[in-house]
Amino acid sequence: MRLYRTKLGGALWDAKDVMDAKMATVLITIKIMPESPDVNLDWVLEQASPKISSVGSILKTEKQPIAFGLNALMITFSMDEKKGDTEPLEKDLASLTGVSSAEAVDVRRAIG
């Protein structure tokens, strides 16, 4: 068996150590924009929750006023970093009826 060494962050690591490193938890806020002020955001949340719960745990939801009676739905959730990119989830949420767009507006690593 060959053991490879790599330089990562100024330190020399065995490839096995890098592969076994624990991934962090990330906190993500997704902004869901409805197509119009008439869209029921509670219904959108009801439809979005199972999709988000399949990749992480919902921590907080809120309605954010945008303009002229239009509100965005802000959903903050935690996800294991090894699950990767949020783009597939964003596309899935944007395809919901009454949703104009969905995008990750904040992504941070959780400490601890």
N, C-alpha and C. Protein backbone atom coordinates (compact mmCIF):
# COMPACT_ATOMS: atom_id res chain seq x y z
N MET A 1 0.84 -1.18 0.00
CA MET A 1 0.00 0.00 0.00
C MET A 1 0.89 1.24 0.00
N ARG A 2 0.59 2.17 -0.88
CA ARG A 2 1.34 3.42 -0.93
C ARG A 2 0.64 4.46 -0.08
N LEU A 3 1.40 5.21 0.63
CA LEU A 3 0.85 6.29 1.45
C LEU A 3 1.36 7.60 0.89
N TYR A 4 0.45 8.42 0.44
CA TYR A 4 0.82 9.69 -0.15
C TYR A 4 0.80 10.78 0.91
N ARG A 5 1.65 11.76 0.74
CA ARG A 5 1.68 12.90 1.65
C ARG A 5 1.34 14.14 0.85
N THR A 6 0.65 15.05 1.47
CA THR A 6 0.26 16.28 0.78
C THR A 6 0.46 17.47 1.70
N LYS A 7 0.70 18.61 1.11
CA LYS A 7 0.85 19.83 1.90
C LYS A 7 -0.48 20.56 1.88
N LEU A 8 -1.03 20.81 3.05
CA LEU A 8 -2.33 21.44 3.18
C LEU A 8 -2.26 22.47 4.29
N GLY A 9 -2.44 23.73 3.95
CA GLY A 9 -2.39 24.79 4.96
C GLY A 9 -1.03 24.94 5.59
N GLY A 10 0.03 24.67 4.84
CA GLY A 10 1.38 24.84 5.36
C GLY A 10 1.90 23.63 6.12
N ALA A 11 1.05 22.64 6.40
CA ALA A 11 1.48 21.45 7.14
C ALA A 11 1.50 20.25 6.21
N LEU A 12 2.33 19.29 6.54
CA LEU A 12 2.43 18.07 5.75
C LEU A 12 1.50 17.03 6.37
N TRP A 13 0.58 16.50 5.57
CA TRP A 13 -0.42 15.56 6.06
C TRP A 13 -0.32 14.25 5.28
N ASP A 14 -0.60 13.14 5.96
CA ASP A 14 -0.77 11.88 5.25
C ASP A 14 -2.13 11.94 4.56
N ALA A 15 -2.21 11.36 3.37
CA ALA A 15 -3.47 11.38 2.61
C ALA A 15 -4.60 10.76 3.43
N LYS A 16 -4.30 9.71 4.21
CA LYS A 16 -5.33 9.06 5.03
C LYS A 16 -5.90 10.04 6.06
N ASP A 17 -5.04 10.87 6.67
CA ASP A 17 -5.50 11.84 7.66
C ASP A 17 -6.44 12.86 7.03
N VAL A 18 -6.13 13.28 5.82
CA VAL A 18 -6.97 14.26 5.13
C VAL A 18 -8.32 13.63 4.81
N MET A 19 -8.33 12.38 4.37
CA MET A 19 -9.57 11.70 4.02
C MET A 19 -10.44 11.44 5.26
N ASP A 20 -9.80 11.19 6.41
CA ASP A 20 -10.53 10.90 7.64
C ASP A 20 -10.96 12.15 8.40
N ALA A 21 -10.55 13.32 7.95
CA ALA A 21 -10.88 14.56 8.66
C ALA A 21 -12.39 14.74 8.70
N LYS A 22 -12.87 15.21 9.83
CA LYS A 22 -14.30 15.44 9.98
C LYS A 22 -14.71 16.69 9.21
N MET A 23 -15.86 16.59 8.57
CA MET A 23 -16.40 17.74 7.87
C MET A 23 -17.20 18.57 8.87
N ALA A 24 -17.32 19.83 8.60
CA ALA A 24 -18.01 20.75 9.50
C ALA A 24 -19.50 20.82 9.17
N THR A 25 -20.22 21.43 10.08
CA THR A 25 -21.62 21.76 9.83
C THR A 25 -21.66 23.17 9.28
N VAL A 26 -22.50 23.39 8.29
CA VAL A 26 -22.65 24.74 7.73
C VAL A 26 -24.05 25.24 8.01
N LEU A 27 -24.16 26.54 8.24
CA LEU A 27 -25.44 27.20 8.41
C LEU A 27 -25.73 27.96 7.13
N ILE A 28 -26.88 27.70 6.55
CA ILE A 28 -27.24 28.27 5.26
C ILE A 28 -28.56 29.00 5.38
N THR A 29 -28.63 30.20 4.80
CA THR A 29 -29.89 30.93 4.70
C THR A 29 -30.27 31.00 3.23
N ILE A 30 -31.45 30.51 2.93
CA ILE A 30 -31.97 30.55 1.55
C ILE A 30 -33.09 31.58 1.51
N LYS A 31 -33.05 32.42 0.49
CA LYS A 31 -34.07 33.44 0.27
C LYS A 31 -34.97 32.97 -0.87
N ILE A 32 -36.24 32.77 -0.55
CA ILE A 32 -37.21 32.34 -1.55
C ILE A 32 -38.09 33.54 -1.90
N MET A 33 -38.06 33.92 -3.18
CA MET A 33 -38.87 35.04 -3.65
C MET A 33 -40.13 34.51 -4.33
N PRO A 34 -41.30 34.99 -3.88
CA PRO A 34 -42.54 34.57 -4.54
C PRO A 34 -42.73 35.33 -5.86
N GLU A 35 -43.61 34.80 -6.71
CA GLU A 35 -43.89 35.44 -7.99
C GLU A 35 -44.67 36.74 -7.82
N SER A 36 -45.47 36.83 -6.76
CA SER A 36 -46.27 38.04 -6.52
C SER A 36 -46.59 38.14 -5.03
N PRO A 37 -47.09 39.31 -4.60
CA PRO A 37 -47.48 39.46 -3.19
C PRO A 37 -48.65 38.56 -2.79
N ASP A 38 -49.37 38.03 -3.79
CA ASP A 38 -50.53 37.19 -3.51
C ASP A 38 -50.18 35.75 -3.14
N VAL A 39 -48.94 35.36 -3.34
CA VAL A 39 -48.52 33.98 -3.04
C VAL A 39 -48.50 33.77 -1.53
N ASN A 40 -49.11 32.69 -1.08
CA ASN A 40 -49.17 32.36 0.35
C ASN A 40 -47.82 31.76 0.78
N LEU A 41 -47.04 32.53 1.53
CA LEU A 41 -45.71 32.08 1.95
C LEU A 41 -45.77 30.91 2.93
N ASP A 42 -46.85 30.81 3.69
CA ASP A 42 -47.00 29.67 4.59
C ASP A 42 -47.12 28.37 3.78
N TRP A 43 -47.84 28.45 2.66
CA TRP A 43 -47.97 27.28 1.78
C TRP A 43 -46.61 26.95 1.15
N VAL A 44 -45.88 27.98 0.72
CA VAL A 44 -44.55 27.77 0.14
C VAL A 44 -43.64 27.09 1.17
N LEU A 45 -43.67 27.56 2.41
CA LEU A 45 -42.86 26.96 3.47
C LEU A 45 -43.25 25.50 3.68
N GLU A 46 -44.54 25.22 3.64
CA GLU A 46 -45.02 23.85 3.81
C GLU A 46 -44.48 22.94 2.70
N GLN A 47 -44.39 23.47 1.48
CA GLN A 47 -43.86 22.70 0.34
C GLN A 47 -42.34 22.59 0.38
N ALA A 48 -41.67 23.65 0.87
CA ALA A 48 -40.20 23.69 0.89
C ALA A 48 -39.61 22.87 2.04
N SER A 49 -40.31 22.79 3.15
CA SER A 49 -39.77 22.13 4.35
C SER A 49 -39.28 20.71 4.12
N PRO A 50 -40.05 19.83 3.46
CA PRO A 50 -39.54 18.47 3.26
C PRO A 50 -38.29 18.43 2.37
N LYS A 51 -38.21 19.32 1.41
CA LYS A 51 -37.05 19.37 0.52
C LYS A 51 -35.80 19.77 1.30
N ILE A 52 -35.95 20.77 2.18
CA ILE A 52 -34.82 21.23 2.99
C ILE A 52 -34.47 20.19 4.05
N SER A 53 -35.48 19.60 4.65
CA SER A 53 -35.25 18.59 5.69
C SER A 53 -34.54 17.35 5.15
N SER A 54 -34.61 17.13 3.85
CA SER A 54 -33.92 15.97 3.27
C SER A 54 -32.40 16.17 3.24
N VAL A 55 -31.93 17.42 3.37
CA VAL A 55 -30.48 17.68 3.38
C VAL A 55 -29.99 18.25 4.70
N GLY A 56 -30.90 18.73 5.55
CA GLY A 56 -30.47 19.34 6.80
C GLY A 56 -31.63 19.56 7.76
N SER A 57 -31.39 20.41 8.76
CA SER A 57 -32.39 20.70 9.78
C SER A 57 -32.74 22.18 9.77
N ILE A 58 -34.02 22.48 9.64
CA ILE A 58 -34.46 23.88 9.62
C ILE A 58 -34.32 24.46 11.02
N LEU A 59 -33.68 25.62 11.11
CA LEU A 59 -33.45 26.29 12.39
C LEU A 59 -34.36 27.50 12.59
N LYS A 60 -34.61 28.22 11.50
CA LYS A 60 -35.38 29.47 11.63
C LYS A 60 -36.03 29.81 10.30
N THR A 61 -37.24 30.35 10.38
CA THR A 61 -37.91 30.87 9.18
C THR A 61 -38.44 32.26 9.51
N GLU A 62 -38.41 33.13 8.53
CA GLU A 62 -38.97 34.46 8.72
C GLU A 62 -39.38 35.05 7.38
N LYS A 63 -40.31 35.99 7.44
CA LYS A 63 -40.74 36.72 6.25
C LYS A 63 -40.03 38.06 6.26
N GLN A 64 -39.38 38.38 5.16
CA GLN A 64 -38.62 39.63 5.06
C GLN A 64 -39.32 40.55 4.05
N PRO A 65 -39.77 41.74 4.50
CA PRO A 65 -40.40 42.68 3.57
C PRO A 65 -39.41 43.14 2.50
N ILE A 66 -39.87 43.15 1.25
CA ILE A 66 -39.03 43.59 0.14
C ILE A 66 -39.51 44.95 -0.35
N ALA A 67 -40.69 45.01 -0.96
CA ALA A 67 -41.25 46.28 -1.44
C ALA A 67 -42.68 46.06 -1.92
N PHE A 68 -43.50 47.08 -1.78
CA PHE A 68 -44.87 47.08 -2.31
C PHE A 68 -45.67 45.85 -1.90
N GLY A 69 -45.54 45.46 -0.64
CA GLY A 69 -46.29 44.32 -0.12
C GLY A 69 -45.69 42.96 -0.42
N LEU A 70 -44.57 42.95 -1.13
CA LEU A 70 -43.91 41.69 -1.46
C LEU A 70 -42.98 41.29 -0.31
N ASN A 71 -43.09 40.05 0.13
CA ASN A 71 -42.23 39.52 1.19
C ASN A 71 -41.44 38.33 0.66
N ALA A 72 -40.21 38.20 1.13
CA ALA A 72 -39.40 37.02 0.81
C ALA A 72 -39.46 36.08 2.00
N LEU A 73 -39.31 34.81 1.74
CA LEU A 73 -39.26 33.80 2.79
C LEU A 73 -37.80 33.45 3.02
N MET A 74 -37.31 33.71 4.23
CA MET A 74 -35.92 33.43 4.60
C MET A 74 -35.92 32.16 5.46
N ILE A 75 -35.20 31.15 5.02
CA ILE A 75 -35.13 29.89 5.75
C ILE A 75 -33.67 29.60 6.09
N THR A 76 -33.38 29.50 7.38
CA THR A 76 -32.03 29.17 7.84
C THR A 76 -32.03 27.72 8.30
N PHE A 77 -31.06 26.96 7.82
CA PHE A 77 -30.96 25.55 8.20
C PHE A 77 -29.50 25.14 8.32
N SER A 78 -29.28 24.04 9.03
CA SER A 78 -27.93 23.49 9.16
C SER A 78 -27.82 22.26 8.27
N MET A 79 -26.60 22.05 7.77
CA MET A 79 -26.37 20.94 6.85
C MET A 79 -24.94 20.46 7.04
N ASP A 80 -24.71 19.17 6.90
CA ASP A 80 -23.35 18.63 6.96
C ASP A 80 -22.61 19.08 5.70
N GLU A 81 -21.42 19.60 5.90
CA GLU A 81 -20.63 20.14 4.79
C GLU A 81 -20.35 19.11 3.70
N LYS A 82 -20.26 17.84 4.08
CA LYS A 82 -19.94 16.81 3.09
C LYS A 82 -21.08 16.57 2.10
N LYS A 83 -22.27 17.08 2.40
CA LYS A 83 -23.39 16.94 1.46
C LYS A 83 -23.20 17.83 0.24
N GLY A 84 -22.27 18.77 0.34
CA GLY A 84 -21.87 19.53 -0.84
C GLY A 84 -22.66 20.79 -1.11
N ASP A 85 -22.82 21.06 -2.38
CA ASP A 85 -23.38 22.28 -2.92
C ASP A 85 -24.88 22.43 -2.63
N THR A 86 -25.35 23.68 -2.53
CA THR A 86 -26.77 23.94 -2.32
C THR A 86 -27.51 24.17 -3.64
N GLU A 87 -26.78 24.21 -4.75
CA GLU A 87 -27.41 24.54 -6.03
C GLU A 87 -28.56 23.60 -6.42
N PRO A 88 -28.43 22.28 -6.25
CA PRO A 88 -29.57 21.41 -6.57
C PRO A 88 -30.80 21.73 -5.72
N LEU A 89 -30.60 22.03 -4.45
CA LEU A 89 -31.71 22.40 -3.58
C LEU A 89 -32.33 23.71 -4.03
N GLU A 90 -31.50 24.70 -4.37
CA GLU A 90 -32.00 25.99 -4.85
C GLU A 90 -32.86 25.81 -6.10
N LYS A 91 -32.41 24.99 -7.03
CA LYS A 91 -33.18 24.74 -8.26
C LYS A 91 -34.50 24.04 -7.94
N ASP A 92 -34.45 23.11 -7.01
CA ASP A 92 -35.65 22.38 -6.60
C ASP A 92 -36.67 23.33 -5.97
N LEU A 93 -36.20 24.21 -5.09
CA LEU A 93 -37.09 25.17 -4.44
C LEU A 93 -37.64 26.19 -5.44
N ALA A 94 -36.82 26.62 -6.39
CA ALA A 94 -37.26 27.60 -7.39
C ALA A 94 -38.33 27.02 -8.31
N SER A 95 -38.41 25.70 -8.40
CA SER A 95 -39.40 25.07 -9.27
C SER A 95 -40.78 24.93 -8.61
N LEU A 96 -40.89 25.30 -7.33
CA LEU A 96 -42.18 25.22 -6.64
C LEU A 96 -43.17 26.20 -7.26
N THR A 97 -44.43 25.84 -7.25
CA THR A 97 -45.48 26.72 -7.77
C THR A 97 -45.53 28.01 -6.96
N GLY A 98 -45.54 29.14 -7.65
CA GLY A 98 -45.62 30.44 -6.99
C GLY A 98 -44.28 31.02 -6.59
N VAL A 99 -43.19 30.29 -6.84
CA VAL A 99 -41.85 30.77 -6.47
C VAL A 99 -41.14 31.31 -7.70
N SER A 100 -40.63 32.53 -7.58
CA SER A 100 -39.88 33.16 -8.66
C SER A 100 -38.42 32.73 -8.66
N SER A 101 -37.82 32.70 -7.46
CA SER A 101 -36.41 32.31 -7.35
C SER A 101 -36.10 31.84 -5.93
N ALA A 102 -35.00 31.12 -5.82
CA ALA A 102 -34.49 30.67 -4.52
C ALA A 102 -32.98 30.69 -4.61
N GLU A 103 -32.35 31.37 -3.65
CA GLU A 103 -30.89 31.42 -3.67
C GLU A 103 -30.33 31.45 -2.26
N ALA A 104 -29.18 30.82 -2.10
CA ALA A 104 -28.47 30.85 -0.82
C ALA A 104 -27.85 32.23 -0.68
N VAL A 105 -28.26 32.97 0.35
CA VAL A 105 -27.74 34.32 0.54
C VAL A 105 -26.71 34.39 1.65
N ASP A 106 -26.58 33.31 2.44
CA ASP A 106 -25.58 33.29 3.51
C ASP A 106 -25.18 31.84 3.77
N VAL A 107 -23.89 31.59 3.76
CA VAL A 107 -23.35 30.26 4.06
C VAL A 107 -22.18 30.45 5.01
N ARG A 108 -22.23 29.81 6.19
CA ARG A 108 -21.13 29.92 7.17
C ARG A 108 -20.88 28.58 7.83
N ARG A 109 -19.64 28.39 8.19
CA ARG A 109 -19.29 27.18 8.94
C ARG A 109 -19.63 27.39 10.40
N ALA A 110 -20.24 26.37 11.00
CA ALA A 110 -20.57 26.43 12.42
C ALA A 110 -19.34 26.02 13.22
N ILE A 111 -19.16 26.65 14.35
CA ILE A 111 -18.02 26.35 15.21
C ILE A 111 -18.52 25.56 16.41
N GLY A 112 -17.79 24.51 16.74
CA GLY A 112 -18.11 23.75 17.95
C GLY A 112 -18.77 22.49 17.73
